[in-house]
PDBML (XML) file of the C-alpha atoms, coordinates in Angstrom:
<?xml version="1.0" encoding="UTF-8" ?>
<PDBx:datablock datablockName="MODEL"
   xmlns:PDBx="http://pdbml.pdb.org/schema/pdbx-v50.xsd"
   xmlns:xsi="http://www.w3.org/2001/XMLSchema-instance"
   xsi:schemaLocation="http://pdbml.pdb.org/schema/pdbx-v50.xsd pdbx-v50.xsd">
   <PDBx:atom_siteCategory>
      <PDBx:atom_site id="1">
         <PDBx:B_iso_or_equiv>0.00</PDBx:B_iso_or_equiv>
         <PDBx:Cartn_x>12.666</PDBx:Cartn_x>
         <PDBx:Cartn_y>10.535</PDBx:Cartn_y>
         <PDBx:Cartn_z>19.517</PDBx:Cartn_z>
         <PDBx:auth_asym_id>A</PDBx:auth_asym_id>
         <PDBx:auth_atom_id>CA</PDBx:auth_atom_id>
         <PDBx:auth_comp_id>LYS</PDBx:auth_comp_id>
         <PDBx:auth_seq_id>1</PDBx:auth_seq_id>
         <PDBx:group_PDB>ATOM</PDBx:group_PDB>
         <PDBx:label_alt_id xsi:nil="true" />
         <PDBx:label_asym_id>A</PDBx:label_asym_id>
         <PDBx:label_atom_id>CA</PDBx:label_atom_id>
         <PDBx:label_comp_id>LYS</PDBx:label_comp_id>
         <PDBx:label_entity_id>1</PDBx:label_entity_id>
         <PDBx:label_seq_id>1</PDBx:label_seq_id>
         <PDBx:occupancy>1.00</PDBx:occupancy>
         <PDBx:pdbx_PDB_model_num>1</PDBx:pdbx_PDB_model_num>
         <PDBx:type_symbol>C</PDBx:type_symbol>
      </PDBx:atom_site>
      <PDBx:atom_site id="2">
         <PDBx:B_iso_or_equiv>0.00</PDBx:B_iso_or_equiv>
         <PDBx:Cartn_x>13.650</PDBx:Cartn_x>
         <PDBx:Cartn_y>11.698</PDBx:Cartn_y>
         <PDBx:Cartn_z>16.048</PDBx:Cartn_z>
         <PDBx:auth_asym_id>A</PDBx:auth_asym_id>
         <PDBx:auth_atom_id>CA</PDBx:auth_atom_id>
         <PDBx:auth_comp_id>ALA</PDBx:auth_comp_id>
         <PDBx:auth_seq_id>2</PDBx:auth_seq_id>
         <PDBx:group_PDB>ATOM</PDBx:group_PDB>
         <PDBx:label_alt_id xsi:nil="true" />
         <PDBx:label_asym_id>A</PDBx:label_asym_id>
         <PDBx:label_atom_id>CA</PDBx:label_atom_id>
         <PDBx:label_comp_id>ALA</PDBx:label_comp_id>
         <PDBx:label_entity_id>1</PDBx:label_entity_id>
         <PDBx:label_seq_id>2</PDBx:label_seq_id>
         <PDBx:occupancy>1.00</PDBx:occupancy>
         <PDBx:pdbx_PDB_model_num>1</PDBx:pdbx_PDB_model_num>
         <PDBx:type_symbol>C</PDBx:type_symbol>
      </PDBx:atom_site>
      <PDBx:atom_site id="3">
         <PDBx:B_iso_or_equiv>0.00</PDBx:B_iso_or_equiv>
         <PDBx:Cartn_x>10.110</PDBx:Cartn_x>
         <PDBx:Cartn_y>11.518</PDBx:Cartn_y>
         <PDBx:Cartn_z>14.685</PDBx:Cartn_z>
         <PDBx:auth_asym_id>A</PDBx:auth_asym_id>
         <PDBx:auth_atom_id>CA</PDBx:auth_atom_id>
         <PDBx:auth_comp_id>VAL</PDBx:auth_comp_id>
         <PDBx:auth_seq_id>3</PDBx:auth_seq_id>
         <PDBx:group_PDB>ATOM</PDBx:group_PDB>
         <PDBx:label_alt_id xsi:nil="true" />
         <PDBx:label_asym_id>A</PDBx:label_asym_id>
         <PDBx:label_atom_id>CA</PDBx:label_atom_id>
         <PDBx:label_comp_id>VAL</PDBx:label_comp_id>
         <PDBx:label_entity_id>1</PDBx:label_entity_id>
         <PDBx:label_seq_id>3</PDBx:label_seq_id>
         <PDBx:occupancy>1.00</PDBx:occupancy>
         <PDBx:pdbx_PDB_model_num>1</PDBx:pdbx_PDB_model_num>
         <PDBx:type_symbol>C</PDBx:type_symbol>
      </PDBx:atom_site>
      <PDBx:atom_site id="4">
         <PDBx:B_iso_or_equiv>0.00</PDBx:B_iso_or_equiv>
         <PDBx:Cartn_x>8.730</PDBx:Cartn_x>
         <PDBx:Cartn_y>13.212</PDBx:Cartn_y>
         <PDBx:Cartn_z>17.773</PDBx:Cartn_z>
         <PDBx:auth_asym_id>A</PDBx:auth_asym_id>
         <PDBx:auth_atom_id>CA</PDBx:auth_atom_id>
         <PDBx:auth_comp_id>ARG</PDBx:auth_comp_id>
         <PDBx:auth_seq_id>4</PDBx:auth_seq_id>
         <PDBx:group_PDB>ATOM</PDBx:group_PDB>
         <PDBx:label_alt_id xsi:nil="true" />
         <PDBx:label_asym_id>A</PDBx:label_asym_id>
         <PDBx:label_atom_id>CA</PDBx:label_atom_id>
         <PDBx:label_comp_id>ARG</PDBx:label_comp_id>
         <PDBx:label_entity_id>1</PDBx:label_entity_id>
         <PDBx:label_seq_id>4</PDBx:label_seq_id>
         <PDBx:occupancy>1.00</PDBx:occupancy>
         <PDBx:pdbx_PDB_model_num>1</PDBx:pdbx_PDB_model_num>
         <PDBx:type_symbol>C</PDBx:type_symbol>
      </PDBx:atom_site>
      <PDBx:atom_site id="5">
         <PDBx:B_iso_or_equiv>0.00</PDBx:B_iso_or_equiv>
         <PDBx:Cartn_x>11.170</PDBx:Cartn_x>
         <PDBx:Cartn_y>16.067</PDBx:Cartn_y>
         <PDBx:Cartn_z>17.221</PDBx:Cartn_z>
         <PDBx:auth_asym_id>A</PDBx:auth_asym_id>
         <PDBx:auth_atom_id>CA</PDBx:auth_atom_id>
         <PDBx:auth_comp_id>TRP</PDBx:auth_comp_id>
         <PDBx:auth_seq_id>5</PDBx:auth_seq_id>
         <PDBx:group_PDB>ATOM</PDBx:group_PDB>
         <PDBx:label_alt_id xsi:nil="true" />
         <PDBx:label_asym_id>A</PDBx:label_asym_id>
         <PDBx:label_atom_id>CA</PDBx:label_atom_id>
         <PDBx:label_comp_id>TRP</PDBx:label_comp_id>
         <PDBx:label_entity_id>1</PDBx:label_entity_id>
         <PDBx:label_seq_id>5</PDBx:label_seq_id>
         <PDBx:occupancy>1.00</PDBx:occupancy>
         <PDBx:pdbx_PDB_model_num>1</PDBx:pdbx_PDB_model_num>
         <PDBx:type_symbol>C</PDBx:type_symbol>
      </PDBx:atom_site>
      <PDBx:atom_site id="6">
         <PDBx:B_iso_or_equiv>0.00</PDBx:B_iso_or_equiv>
         <PDBx:Cartn_x>10.569</PDBx:Cartn_x>
         <PDBx:Cartn_y>16.235</PDBx:Cartn_y>
         <PDBx:Cartn_z>13.461</PDBx:Cartn_z>
         <PDBx:auth_asym_id>A</PDBx:auth_asym_id>
         <PDBx:auth_atom_id>CA</PDBx:auth_atom_id>
         <PDBx:auth_comp_id>ALA</PDBx:auth_comp_id>
         <PDBx:auth_seq_id>6</PDBx:auth_seq_id>
         <PDBx:group_PDB>ATOM</PDBx:group_PDB>
         <PDBx:label_alt_id xsi:nil="true" />
         <PDBx:label_asym_id>A</PDBx:label_asym_id>
         <PDBx:label_atom_id>CA</PDBx:label_atom_id>
         <PDBx:label_comp_id>ALA</PDBx:label_comp_id>
         <PDBx:label_entity_id>1</PDBx:label_entity_id>
         <PDBx:label_seq_id>6</PDBx:label_seq_id>
         <PDBx:occupancy>1.00</PDBx:occupancy>
         <PDBx:pdbx_PDB_model_num>1</PDBx:pdbx_PDB_model_num>
         <PDBx:type_symbol>C</PDBx:type_symbol>
      </PDBx:atom_site>
      <PDBx:atom_site id="7">
         <PDBx:B_iso_or_equiv>0.00</PDBx:B_iso_or_equiv>
         <PDBx:Cartn_x>6.807</PDBx:Cartn_x>
         <PDBx:Cartn_y>16.423</PDBx:Cartn_y>
         <PDBx:Cartn_z>13.849</PDBx:Cartn_z>
         <PDBx:auth_asym_id>A</PDBx:auth_asym_id>
         <PDBx:auth_atom_id>CA</PDBx:auth_atom_id>
         <PDBx:auth_comp_id>VAL</PDBx:auth_comp_id>
         <PDBx:auth_seq_id>7</PDBx:auth_seq_id>
         <PDBx:group_PDB>ATOM</PDBx:group_PDB>
         <PDBx:label_alt_id xsi:nil="true" />
         <PDBx:label_asym_id>A</PDBx:label_asym_id>
         <PDBx:label_atom_id>CA</PDBx:label_atom_id>
         <PDBx:label_comp_id>VAL</PDBx:label_comp_id>
         <PDBx:label_entity_id>1</PDBx:label_entity_id>
         <PDBx:label_seq_id>7</PDBx:label_seq_id>
         <PDBx:occupancy>1.00</PDBx:occupancy>
         <PDBx:pdbx_PDB_model_num>1</PDBx:pdbx_PDB_model_num>
         <PDBx:type_symbol>C</PDBx:type_symbol>
      </PDBx:atom_site>
      <PDBx:atom_site id="8">
         <PDBx:B_iso_or_equiv>0.00</PDBx:B_iso_or_equiv>
         <PDBx:Cartn_x>6.906</PDBx:Cartn_x>
         <PDBx:Cartn_y>18.863</PDBx:Cartn_y>
         <PDBx:Cartn_z>16.768</PDBx:Cartn_z>
         <PDBx:auth_asym_id>A</PDBx:auth_asym_id>
         <PDBx:auth_atom_id>CA</PDBx:auth_atom_id>
         <PDBx:auth_comp_id>ALA</PDBx:auth_comp_id>
         <PDBx:auth_seq_id>8</PDBx:auth_seq_id>
         <PDBx:group_PDB>ATOM</PDBx:group_PDB>
         <PDBx:label_alt_id xsi:nil="true" />
         <PDBx:label_asym_id>A</PDBx:label_asym_id>
         <PDBx:label_atom_id>CA</PDBx:label_atom_id>
         <PDBx:label_comp_id>ALA</PDBx:label_comp_id>
         <PDBx:label_entity_id>1</PDBx:label_entity_id>
         <PDBx:label_seq_id>8</PDBx:label_seq_id>
         <PDBx:occupancy>1.00</PDBx:occupancy>
         <PDBx:pdbx_PDB_model_num>1</PDBx:pdbx_PDB_model_num>
         <PDBx:type_symbol>C</PDBx:type_symbol>
      </PDBx:atom_site>
      <PDBx:atom_site id="9">
         <PDBx:B_iso_or_equiv>0.00</PDBx:B_iso_or_equiv>
         <PDBx:Cartn_x>9.110</PDBx:Cartn_x>
         <PDBx:Cartn_y>21.389</PDBx:Cartn_y>
         <PDBx:Cartn_z>14.968</PDBx:Cartn_z>
         <PDBx:auth_asym_id>A</PDBx:auth_asym_id>
         <PDBx:auth_atom_id>CA</PDBx:auth_atom_id>
         <PDBx:auth_comp_id>VAL</PDBx:auth_comp_id>
         <PDBx:auth_seq_id>9</PDBx:auth_seq_id>
         <PDBx:group_PDB>ATOM</PDBx:group_PDB>
         <PDBx:label_alt_id xsi:nil="true" />
         <PDBx:label_asym_id>A</PDBx:label_asym_id>
         <PDBx:label_atom_id>CA</PDBx:label_atom_id>
         <PDBx:label_comp_id>VAL</PDBx:label_comp_id>
         <PDBx:label_entity_id>1</PDBx:label_entity_id>
         <PDBx:label_seq_id>9</PDBx:label_seq_id>
         <PDBx:occupancy>1.00</PDBx:occupancy>
         <PDBx:pdbx_PDB_model_num>1</PDBx:pdbx_PDB_model_num>
         <PDBx:type_symbol>C</PDBx:type_symbol>
      </PDBx:atom_site>
      <PDBx:atom_site id="10">
         <PDBx:B_iso_or_equiv>0.00</PDBx:B_iso_or_equiv>
         <PDBx:Cartn_x>7.331</PDBx:Cartn_x>
         <PDBx:Cartn_y>20.979</PDBx:Cartn_y>
         <PDBx:Cartn_z>11.632</PDBx:Cartn_z>
         <PDBx:auth_asym_id>A</PDBx:auth_asym_id>
         <PDBx:auth_atom_id>CA</PDBx:auth_atom_id>
         <PDBx:auth_comp_id>GLY</PDBx:auth_comp_id>
         <PDBx:auth_seq_id>10</PDBx:auth_seq_id>
         <PDBx:group_PDB>ATOM</PDBx:group_PDB>
         <PDBx:label_alt_id xsi:nil="true" />
         <PDBx:label_asym_id>A</PDBx:label_asym_id>
         <PDBx:label_atom_id>CA</PDBx:label_atom_id>
         <PDBx:label_comp_id>GLY</PDBx:label_comp_id>
         <PDBx:label_entity_id>1</PDBx:label_entity_id>
         <PDBx:label_seq_id>10</PDBx:label_seq_id>
         <PDBx:occupancy>1.00</PDBx:occupancy>
         <PDBx:pdbx_PDB_model_num>1</PDBx:pdbx_PDB_model_num>
         <PDBx:type_symbol>C</PDBx:type_symbol>
      </PDBx:atom_site>
      <PDBx:atom_site id="11">
         <PDBx:B_iso_or_equiv>0.00</PDBx:B_iso_or_equiv>
         <PDBx:Cartn_x>10.090</PDBx:Cartn_x>
         <PDBx:Cartn_y>19.273</PDBx:Cartn_y>
         <PDBx:Cartn_z>9.663</PDBx:Cartn_z>
         <PDBx:auth_asym_id>A</PDBx:auth_asym_id>
         <PDBx:auth_atom_id>CA</PDBx:auth_atom_id>
         <PDBx:auth_comp_id>VAL</PDBx:auth_comp_id>
         <PDBx:auth_seq_id>11</PDBx:auth_seq_id>
         <PDBx:group_PDB>ATOM</PDBx:group_PDB>
         <PDBx:label_alt_id xsi:nil="true" />
         <PDBx:label_asym_id>A</PDBx:label_asym_id>
         <PDBx:label_atom_id>CA</PDBx:label_atom_id>
         <PDBx:label_comp_id>VAL</PDBx:label_comp_id>
         <PDBx:label_entity_id>1</PDBx:label_entity_id>
         <PDBx:label_seq_id>11</PDBx:label_seq_id>
         <PDBx:occupancy>1.00</PDBx:occupancy>
         <PDBx:pdbx_PDB_model_num>1</PDBx:pdbx_PDB_model_num>
         <PDBx:type_symbol>C</PDBx:type_symbol>
      </PDBx:atom_site>
      <PDBx:atom_site id="12">
         <PDBx:B_iso_or_equiv>0.00</PDBx:B_iso_or_equiv>
         <PDBx:Cartn_x>7.920</PDBx:Cartn_x>
         <PDBx:Cartn_y>16.278</PDBx:Cartn_y>
         <PDBx:Cartn_z>8.795</PDBx:Cartn_z>
         <PDBx:auth_asym_id>A</PDBx:auth_asym_id>
         <PDBx:auth_atom_id>CA</PDBx:auth_atom_id>
         <PDBx:auth_comp_id>MET</PDBx:auth_comp_id>
         <PDBx:auth_seq_id>12</PDBx:auth_seq_id>
         <PDBx:group_PDB>ATOM</PDBx:group_PDB>
         <PDBx:label_alt_id xsi:nil="true" />
         <PDBx:label_asym_id>A</PDBx:label_asym_id>
         <PDBx:label_atom_id>CA</PDBx:label_atom_id>
         <PDBx:label_comp_id>MET</PDBx:label_comp_id>
         <PDBx:label_entity_id>1</PDBx:label_entity_id>
         <PDBx:label_seq_id>12</PDBx:label_seq_id>
         <PDBx:occupancy>1.00</PDBx:occupancy>
         <PDBx:pdbx_PDB_model_num>1</PDBx:pdbx_PDB_model_num>
         <PDBx:type_symbol>C</PDBx:type_symbol>
      </PDBx:atom_site>
      <PDBx:atom_site id="13">
         <PDBx:B_iso_or_equiv>0.00</PDBx:B_iso_or_equiv>
         <PDBx:Cartn_x>4.298</PDBx:Cartn_x>
         <PDBx:Cartn_y>15.211</PDBx:Cartn_y>
         <PDBx:Cartn_z>9.216</PDBx:Cartn_z>
         <PDBx:auth_asym_id>A</PDBx:auth_asym_id>
         <PDBx:auth_atom_id>CA</PDBx:auth_atom_id>
         <PDBx:auth_comp_id>THR</PDBx:auth_comp_id>
         <PDBx:auth_seq_id>13</PDBx:auth_seq_id>
         <PDBx:group_PDB>ATOM</PDBx:group_PDB>
         <PDBx:label_alt_id xsi:nil="true" />
         <PDBx:label_asym_id>A</PDBx:label_asym_id>
         <PDBx:label_atom_id>CA</PDBx:label_atom_id>
         <PDBx:label_comp_id>THR</PDBx:label_comp_id>
         <PDBx:label_entity_id>1</PDBx:label_entity_id>
         <PDBx:label_seq_id>13</PDBx:label_seq_id>
         <PDBx:occupancy>1.00</PDBx:occupancy>
         <PDBx:pdbx_PDB_model_num>1</PDBx:pdbx_PDB_model_num>
         <PDBx:type_symbol>C</PDBx:type_symbol>
      </PDBx:atom_site>
      <PDBx:atom_site id="14">
         <PDBx:B_iso_or_equiv>0.00</PDBx:B_iso_or_equiv>
         <PDBx:Cartn_x>2.402</PDBx:Cartn_x>
         <PDBx:Cartn_y>11.974</PDBx:Cartn_y>
         <PDBx:Cartn_z>9.010</PDBx:Cartn_z>
         <PDBx:auth_asym_id>A</PDBx:auth_asym_id>
         <PDBx:auth_atom_id>CA</PDBx:auth_atom_id>
         <PDBx:auth_comp_id>GLY</PDBx:auth_comp_id>
         <PDBx:auth_seq_id>14</PDBx:auth_seq_id>
         <PDBx:group_PDB>ATOM</PDBx:group_PDB>
         <PDBx:label_alt_id xsi:nil="true" />
         <PDBx:label_asym_id>A</PDBx:label_asym_id>
         <PDBx:label_atom_id>CA</PDBx:label_atom_id>
         <PDBx:label_comp_id>GLY</PDBx:label_comp_id>
         <PDBx:label_entity_id>1</PDBx:label_entity_id>
         <PDBx:label_seq_id>14</PDBx:label_seq_id>
         <PDBx:occupancy>1.00</PDBx:occupancy>
         <PDBx:pdbx_PDB_model_num>1</PDBx:pdbx_PDB_model_num>
         <PDBx:type_symbol>C</PDBx:type_symbol>
      </PDBx:atom_site>
      <PDBx:atom_site id="15">
         <PDBx:B_iso_or_equiv>0.00</PDBx:B_iso_or_equiv>
         <PDBx:Cartn_x>-0.328</PDBx:Cartn_x>
         <PDBx:Cartn_y>10.907</PDBx:Cartn_y>
         <PDBx:Cartn_z>6.619</PDBx:Cartn_z>
         <PDBx:auth_asym_id>A</PDBx:auth_asym_id>
         <PDBx:auth_atom_id>CA</PDBx:auth_atom_id>
         <PDBx:auth_comp_id>TYR</PDBx:auth_comp_id>
         <PDBx:auth_seq_id>15</PDBx:auth_seq_id>
         <PDBx:group_PDB>ATOM</PDBx:group_PDB>
         <PDBx:label_alt_id xsi:nil="true" />
         <PDBx:label_asym_id>A</PDBx:label_asym_id>
         <PDBx:label_atom_id>CA</PDBx:label_atom_id>
         <PDBx:label_comp_id>TYR</PDBx:label_comp_id>
         <PDBx:label_entity_id>1</PDBx:label_entity_id>
         <PDBx:label_seq_id>15</PDBx:label_seq_id>
         <PDBx:occupancy>1.00</PDBx:occupancy>
         <PDBx:pdbx_PDB_model_num>1</PDBx:pdbx_PDB_model_num>
         <PDBx:type_symbol>C</PDBx:type_symbol>
      </PDBx:atom_site>
      <PDBx:atom_site id="16">
         <PDBx:B_iso_or_equiv>0.00</PDBx:B_iso_or_equiv>
         <PDBx:Cartn_x>-4.010</PDBx:Cartn_x>
         <PDBx:Cartn_y>11.615</PDBx:Cartn_y>
         <PDBx:Cartn_z>6.989</PDBx:Cartn_z>
         <PDBx:auth_asym_id>A</PDBx:auth_asym_id>
         <PDBx:auth_atom_id>CA</PDBx:auth_atom_id>
         <PDBx:auth_comp_id>ARG</PDBx:auth_comp_id>
         <PDBx:auth_seq_id>16</PDBx:auth_seq_id>
         <PDBx:group_PDB>ATOM</PDBx:group_PDB>
         <PDBx:label_alt_id xsi:nil="true" />
         <PDBx:label_asym_id>A</PDBx:label_asym_id>
         <PDBx:label_atom_id>CA</PDBx:label_atom_id>
         <PDBx:label_comp_id>ARG</PDBx:label_comp_id>
         <PDBx:label_entity_id>1</PDBx:label_entity_id>
         <PDBx:label_seq_id>16</PDBx:label_seq_id>
         <PDBx:occupancy>1.00</PDBx:occupancy>
         <PDBx:pdbx_PDB_model_num>1</PDBx:pdbx_PDB_model_num>
         <PDBx:type_symbol>C</PDBx:type_symbol>
      </PDBx:atom_site>
      <PDBx:atom_site id="17">
         <PDBx:B_iso_or_equiv>0.00</PDBx:B_iso_or_equiv>
         <PDBx:Cartn_x>-4.659</PDBx:Cartn_x>
         <PDBx:Cartn_y>8.073</PDBx:Cartn_y>
         <PDBx:Cartn_z>8.136</PDBx:Cartn_z>
         <PDBx:auth_asym_id>A</PDBx:auth_asym_id>
         <PDBx:auth_atom_id>CA</PDBx:auth_atom_id>
         <PDBx:auth_comp_id>ASP</PDBx:auth_comp_id>
         <PDBx:auth_seq_id>17</PDBx:auth_seq_id>
         <PDBx:group_PDB>ATOM</PDBx:group_PDB>
         <PDBx:label_alt_id xsi:nil="true" />
         <PDBx:label_asym_id>A</PDBx:label_asym_id>
         <PDBx:label_atom_id>CA</PDBx:label_atom_id>
         <PDBx:label_comp_id>ASP</PDBx:label_comp_id>
         <PDBx:label_entity_id>1</PDBx:label_entity_id>
         <PDBx:label_seq_id>17</PDBx:label_seq_id>
         <PDBx:occupancy>1.00</PDBx:occupancy>
         <PDBx:pdbx_PDB_model_num>1</PDBx:pdbx_PDB_model_num>
         <PDBx:type_symbol>C</PDBx:type_symbol>
      </PDBx:atom_site>
      <PDBx:atom_site id="18">
         <PDBx:B_iso_or_equiv>0.00</PDBx:B_iso_or_equiv>
         <PDBx:Cartn_x>-2.462</PDBx:Cartn_x>
         <PDBx:Cartn_y>8.610</PDBx:Cartn_y>
         <PDBx:Cartn_z>11.208</PDBx:Cartn_z>
         <PDBx:auth_asym_id>A</PDBx:auth_asym_id>
         <PDBx:auth_atom_id>CA</PDBx:auth_atom_id>
         <PDBx:auth_comp_id>GLY</PDBx:auth_comp_id>
         <PDBx:auth_seq_id>18</PDBx:auth_seq_id>
         <PDBx:group_PDB>ATOM</PDBx:group_PDB>
         <PDBx:label_alt_id xsi:nil="true" />
         <PDBx:label_asym_id>A</PDBx:label_asym_id>
         <PDBx:label_atom_id>CA</PDBx:label_atom_id>
         <PDBx:label_comp_id>GLY</PDBx:label_comp_id>
         <PDBx:label_entity_id>1</PDBx:label_entity_id>
         <PDBx:label_seq_id>18</PDBx:label_seq_id>
         <PDBx:occupancy>1.00</PDBx:occupancy>
         <PDBx:pdbx_PDB_model_num>1</PDBx:pdbx_PDB_model_num>
         <PDBx:type_symbol>C</PDBx:type_symbol>
      </PDBx:atom_site>
      <PDBx:atom_site id="19">
         <PDBx:B_iso_or_equiv>0.00</PDBx:B_iso_or_equiv>
         <PDBx:Cartn_x>0.549</PDBx:Cartn_x>
         <PDBx:Cartn_y>6.697</PDBx:Cartn_y>
         <PDBx:Cartn_z>9.890</PDBx:Cartn_z>
         <PDBx:auth_asym_id>A</PDBx:auth_asym_id>
         <PDBx:auth_atom_id>CA</PDBx:auth_atom_id>
         <PDBx:auth_comp_id>THR</PDBx:auth_comp_id>
         <PDBx:auth_seq_id>19</PDBx:auth_seq_id>
         <PDBx:group_PDB>ATOM</PDBx:group_PDB>
         <PDBx:label_alt_id xsi:nil="true" />
         <PDBx:label_asym_id>A</PDBx:label_asym_id>
         <PDBx:label_atom_id>CA</PDBx:label_atom_id>
         <PDBx:label_comp_id>THR</PDBx:label_comp_id>
         <PDBx:label_entity_id>1</PDBx:label_entity_id>
         <PDBx:label_seq_id>19</PDBx:label_seq_id>
         <PDBx:occupancy>1.00</PDBx:occupancy>
         <PDBx:pdbx_PDB_model_num>1</PDBx:pdbx_PDB_model_num>
         <PDBx:type_symbol>C</PDBx:type_symbol>
      </PDBx:atom_site>
      <PDBx:atom_site id="20">
         <PDBx:B_iso_or_equiv>0.00</PDBx:B_iso_or_equiv>
         <PDBx:Cartn_x>4.123</PDBx:Cartn_x>
         <PDBx:Cartn_y>7.838</PDBx:Cartn_y>
         <PDBx:Cartn_z>9.397</PDBx:Cartn_z>
         <PDBx:auth_asym_id>A</PDBx:auth_asym_id>
         <PDBx:auth_atom_id>CA</PDBx:auth_atom_id>
         <PDBx:auth_comp_id>PHE</PDBx:auth_comp_id>
         <PDBx:auth_seq_id>20</PDBx:auth_seq_id>
         <PDBx:group_PDB>ATOM</PDBx:group_PDB>
         <PDBx:label_alt_id xsi:nil="true" />
         <PDBx:label_asym_id>A</PDBx:label_asym_id>
         <PDBx:label_atom_id>CA</PDBx:label_atom_id>
         <PDBx:label_comp_id>PHE</PDBx:label_comp_id>
         <PDBx:label_entity_id>1</PDBx:label_entity_id>
         <PDBx:label_seq_id>20</PDBx:label_seq_id>
         <PDBx:occupancy>1.00</PDBx:occupancy>
         <PDBx:pdbx_PDB_model_num>1</PDBx:pdbx_PDB_model_num>
         <PDBx:type_symbol>C</PDBx:type_symbol>
      </PDBx:atom_site>
      <PDBx:atom_site id="21">
         <PDBx:B_iso_or_equiv>0.00</PDBx:B_iso_or_equiv>
         <PDBx:Cartn_x>5.080</PDBx:Cartn_x>
         <PDBx:Cartn_y>5.055</PDBx:Cartn_y>
         <PDBx:Cartn_z>6.966</PDBx:Cartn_z>
         <PDBx:auth_asym_id>A</PDBx:auth_asym_id>
         <PDBx:auth_atom_id>CA</PDBx:auth_atom_id>
         <PDBx:auth_comp_id>ARG</PDBx:auth_comp_id>
         <PDBx:auth_seq_id>21</PDBx:auth_seq_id>
         <PDBx:group_PDB>ATOM</PDBx:group_PDB>
         <PDBx:label_alt_id xsi:nil="true" />
         <PDBx:label_asym_id>A</PDBx:label_asym_id>
         <PDBx:label_atom_id>CA</PDBx:label_atom_id>
         <PDBx:label_comp_id>ARG</PDBx:label_comp_id>
         <PDBx:label_entity_id>1</PDBx:label_entity_id>
         <PDBx:label_seq_id>21</PDBx:label_seq_id>
         <PDBx:occupancy>1.00</PDBx:occupancy>
         <PDBx:pdbx_PDB_model_num>1</PDBx:pdbx_PDB_model_num>
         <PDBx:type_symbol>C</PDBx:type_symbol>
      </PDBx:atom_site>
      <PDBx:atom_site id="22">
         <PDBx:B_iso_or_equiv>0.00</PDBx:B_iso_or_equiv>
         <PDBx:Cartn_x>8.601</PDBx:Cartn_x>
         <PDBx:Cartn_y>4.881</PDBx:Cartn_y>
         <PDBx:Cartn_z>8.358</PDBx:Cartn_z>
         <PDBx:auth_asym_id>A</PDBx:auth_asym_id>
         <PDBx:auth_atom_id>CA</PDBx:auth_atom_id>
         <PDBx:auth_comp_id>PRO</PDBx:auth_comp_id>
         <PDBx:auth_seq_id>22</PDBx:auth_seq_id>
         <PDBx:group_PDB>ATOM</PDBx:group_PDB>
         <PDBx:label_alt_id xsi:nil="true" />
         <PDBx:label_asym_id>A</PDBx:label_asym_id>
         <PDBx:label_atom_id>CA</PDBx:label_atom_id>
         <PDBx:label_comp_id>PRO</PDBx:label_comp_id>
         <PDBx:label_entity_id>1</PDBx:label_entity_id>
         <PDBx:label_seq_id>22</PDBx:label_seq_id>
         <PDBx:occupancy>1.00</PDBx:occupancy>
         <PDBx:pdbx_PDB_model_num>1</PDBx:pdbx_PDB_model_num>
         <PDBx:type_symbol>C</PDBx:type_symbol>
      </PDBx:atom_site>
      <PDBx:atom_site id="23">
         <PDBx:B_iso_or_equiv>0.00</PDBx:B_iso_or_equiv>
         <PDBx:Cartn_x>10.114</PDBx:Cartn_x>
         <PDBx:Cartn_y>2.602</PDBx:Cartn_y>
         <PDBx:Cartn_z>5.721</PDBx:Cartn_z>
         <PDBx:auth_asym_id>A</PDBx:auth_asym_id>
         <PDBx:auth_atom_id>CA</PDBx:auth_atom_id>
         <PDBx:auth_comp_id>TYR</PDBx:auth_comp_id>
         <PDBx:auth_seq_id>23</PDBx:auth_seq_id>
         <PDBx:group_PDB>ATOM</PDBx:group_PDB>
         <PDBx:label_alt_id xsi:nil="true" />
         <PDBx:label_asym_id>A</PDBx:label_asym_id>
         <PDBx:label_atom_id>CA</PDBx:label_atom_id>
         <PDBx:label_comp_id>TYR</PDBx:label_comp_id>
         <PDBx:label_entity_id>1</PDBx:label_entity_id>
         <PDBx:label_seq_id>23</PDBx:label_seq_id>
         <PDBx:occupancy>1.00</PDBx:occupancy>
         <PDBx:pdbx_PDB_model_num>1</PDBx:pdbx_PDB_model_num>
         <PDBx:type_symbol>C</PDBx:type_symbol>
      </PDBx:atom_site>
      <PDBx:atom_site id="24">
         <PDBx:B_iso_or_equiv>0.00</PDBx:B_iso_or_equiv>
         <PDBx:Cartn_x>8.835</PDBx:Cartn_x>
         <PDBx:Cartn_y>4.459</PDBx:Cartn_y>
         <PDBx:Cartn_z>2.693</PDBx:Cartn_z>
         <PDBx:auth_asym_id>A</PDBx:auth_asym_id>
         <PDBx:auth_atom_id>CA</PDBx:auth_atom_id>
         <PDBx:auth_comp_id>GLU</PDBx:auth_comp_id>
         <PDBx:auth_seq_id>24</PDBx:auth_seq_id>
         <PDBx:group_PDB>ATOM</PDBx:group_PDB>
         <PDBx:label_alt_id xsi:nil="true" />
         <PDBx:label_asym_id>A</PDBx:label_asym_id>
         <PDBx:label_atom_id>CA</PDBx:label_atom_id>
         <PDBx:label_comp_id>GLU</PDBx:label_comp_id>
         <PDBx:label_entity_id>1</PDBx:label_entity_id>
         <PDBx:label_seq_id>24</PDBx:label_seq_id>
         <PDBx:occupancy>1.00</PDBx:occupancy>
         <PDBx:pdbx_PDB_model_num>1</PDBx:pdbx_PDB_model_num>
         <PDBx:type_symbol>C</PDBx:type_symbol>
      </PDBx:atom_site>
      <PDBx:atom_site id="25">
         <PDBx:B_iso_or_equiv>0.00</PDBx:B_iso_or_equiv>
         <PDBx:Cartn_x>11.762</PDBx:Cartn_x>
         <PDBx:Cartn_y>5.778</PDBx:Cartn_y>
         <PDBx:Cartn_z>0.603</PDBx:Cartn_z>
         <PDBx:auth_asym_id>A</PDBx:auth_asym_id>
         <PDBx:auth_atom_id>CA</PDBx:auth_atom_id>
         <PDBx:auth_comp_id>PRO</PDBx:auth_comp_id>
         <PDBx:auth_seq_id>25</PDBx:auth_seq_id>
         <PDBx:group_PDB>ATOM</PDBx:group_PDB>
         <PDBx:label_alt_id xsi:nil="true" />
         <PDBx:label_asym_id>A</PDBx:label_asym_id>
         <PDBx:label_atom_id>CA</PDBx:label_atom_id>
         <PDBx:label_comp_id>PRO</PDBx:label_comp_id>
         <PDBx:label_entity_id>1</PDBx:label_entity_id>
         <PDBx:label_seq_id>25</PDBx:label_seq_id>
         <PDBx:occupancy>1.00</PDBx:occupancy>
         <PDBx:pdbx_PDB_model_num>1</PDBx:pdbx_PDB_model_num>
         <PDBx:type_symbol>C</PDBx:type_symbol>
      </PDBx:atom_site>
   </PDBx:atom_siteCategory>
</PDBx:datablock>
């Protein structure tokens, strides 16, 4: 839910390969 919100409102994006890399610092 948090990532869905963050991406939808433009706070965060993923990488060009379609990943979010959730555990990256």
